[in-house]
Protein backbone atom coordinates (compact mmCIF):
# COMPACT_ATOMS: atom_id res chain seq x y z
CA MET A 1 138.78 70.82 88.01
CA LYS A 2 140.60 74.39 88.79
CA SER A 3 140.13 75.73 92.21
CA PRO A 4 138.68 79.28 91.85
CA LEU A 5 140.91 80.54 94.50
CA LYS A 6 143.92 79.34 92.47
CA SER A 7 142.51 81.24 89.29
CA ILE A 8 141.98 84.40 91.26
CA GLY A 9 145.49 84.26 92.99
CA LEU A 10 147.19 83.78 89.29
CA ALA A 11 145.16 86.53 87.96
CA PHE A 12 146.28 88.76 90.78
CA ALA A 13 149.88 87.91 90.34
CA VAL A 14 149.51 88.51 86.71
CA ALA A 15 148.02 92.03 87.29
CA MET A 16 150.71 92.80 89.92
CA ALA A 17 153.40 91.81 87.56
CA ALA A 18 151.88 94.10 84.88
CA ILE A 19 151.69 97.07 87.19
CA ILE A 20 155.15 96.68 88.42
CA SER A 21 156.39 96.40 84.87
CA THR A 22 154.67 99.53 83.78
CA SER A 23 155.68 101.57 86.72
CA ALA A 24 159.20 100.50 86.07
CA THR A 25 159.09 101.67 82.52
CA ALA A 26 157.48 105.02 83.24
CA SER A 27 160.21 105.81 85.88
CA ALA A 28 162.85 104.74 83.70
CA GLN A 29 161.60 107.17 80.95
CA LYS A 30 161.25 110.02 83.32
CA PRO A 31 164.06 112.65 82.84
CA LYS A 32 166.70 112.81 85.67
CA ILE A 33 167.59 116.68 84.62
CA THR A 34 165.36 119.25 85.31
CA MET A 35 164.71 121.91 82.80
CA LYS A 36 166.56 124.30 85.17
CA GLN A 37 169.80 122.37 84.95
CA ALA A 38 169.59 121.75 81.23
CA ARG A 39 169.10 125.29 80.75
CA ALA A 40 172.38 126.07 82.85
CA ALA A 41 174.18 123.78 80.62
CA ALA A 42 172.80 125.11 77.20
CA GLN A 43 173.78 128.51 78.56
CA GLN A 44 177.28 127.51 79.50
CA ALA A 45 177.49 126.13 75.94
CA VAL A 46 176.62 129.63 74.44
CA PRO A 47 177.55 131.98 77.11
CA ASP A 48 177.15 135.01 74.92
CA GLY A 49 173.73 134.03 73.64
CA LYS A 50 170.12 134.58 75.01
CA ILE A 51 167.72 131.58 75.24
CA LYS A 52 164.73 132.07 73.03
CA SER A 53 162.90 128.82 73.46
CA ALA A 54 163.16 125.63 75.50
CA GLU A 55 161.31 122.27 75.24
CA LEU A 56 161.63 118.89 76.28
CA GLU A 57 161.55 116.37 73.35
CA HIS A 58 161.65 112.56 72.78
CA GLU A 59 164.16 112.13 70.05
CA ASP A 60 165.42 108.53 68.95
CA GLY A 61 164.18 106.86 72.02
CA GLN A 62 165.63 109.45 74.37
CA PHE A 63 164.52 112.55 76.30
CA ILE A 64 166.65 115.80 75.15
CA TYR A 65 166.10 119.37 76.22
CA SER A 66 166.15 121.44 73.05
CA PHE A 67 167.07 125.13 73.32
CA ASP A 68 167.20 127.91 70.60
CA ILE A 69 169.66 130.27 71.58
CA LYS A 70 170.15 133.97 69.89
CA ALA A 71 173.93 134.59 69.53
CA GLY A 72 175.22 137.53 67.58
CA THR A 73 173.03 137.41 64.21
CA GLY A 74 172.03 133.93 64.22
CA ILE A 75 170.41 130.94 66.36
CA LYS A 76 172.41 128.15 67.87
CA GLU A 77 170.23 125.06 68.69
CA VAL A 78 171.77 123.09 71.67
CA TRP A 79 170.60 119.68 72.79
CA VAL A 80 171.03 118.64 76.40
CA ASP A 81 170.60 114.89 77.29
CA ALA A 82 167.85 114.76 80.00
CA MET A 83 169.41 111.82 81.69
CA SER A 84 172.92 113.01 82.15
CA GLY A 85 172.87 116.80 81.58
CA GLN A 86 175.40 116.63 79.05
CA VAL A 87 175.51 118.95 75.79
CA VAL A 88 174.87 116.27 73.06
CA LYS A 89 174.68 118.56 69.88
CA THR A 90 175.04 122.39 69.12
CA GLU A 91 174.47 123.66 65.64
CA ASN A 92 173.87 126.97 63.83
CA GLU A 93 170.17 127.22 62.46
CA THR A 94 169.27 129.25 59.55
CA LYS A 95 166.22 131.11 59.33
CA ALA A 96 165.08 128.69 56.74
CA ASP A 97 165.74 125.81 59.20
CA GLU A 98 163.68 127.59 61.83
CA LYS A 99 160.84 128.05 59.51
CA SER A 100 161.06 124.39 58.47
CA GLU A 101 161.08 123.15 62.16
CA ALA A 102 158.20 125.37 63.07
CA LYS A 103 156.11 124.14 60.20
CA ALA A 104 156.79 120.51 61.05
CA GLU A 105 156.03 121.08 64.71
CA LYS A 106 152.58 122.44 63.90
CA LYS A 107 151.94 119.61 61.47
CA GLU A 108 152.76 117.17 64.27
CA ARG A 109 150.41 119.04 66.83
CA HIS A 110 147.66 119.06 64.29
CA ALA A 111 148.03 115.26 63.86
CA LYS A 112 147.91 114.57 67.58
CA LYS A 113 144.66 116.64 67.94
CA SER A 114 143.20 114.85 65.28
CA GLN A 115 143.94 111.31 66.83
């Protein structure tokens, strides 16, 4: 027959391992770069532009700060890696791209609300 004390000890050990694992995963997922630092990197990538929007996104398993920067007559989208602070993508965004992206984000927010 198993000792109740051994069962309790085993359950405690399993619970503690789960807590430690969850805690380590959560801290590993937390961005190392602040929005302010990412904003400075994005502004440096497009020095003549004005930041119109900024957000932290989770794209393809990594955290990315995404900036829409008005430069001249167009918009440049700049992605900054939230772990390293490096600019990982810069591209021109058309009006059609902006509308499509806004529509997709609205649909995603609606889907999250209905869950």
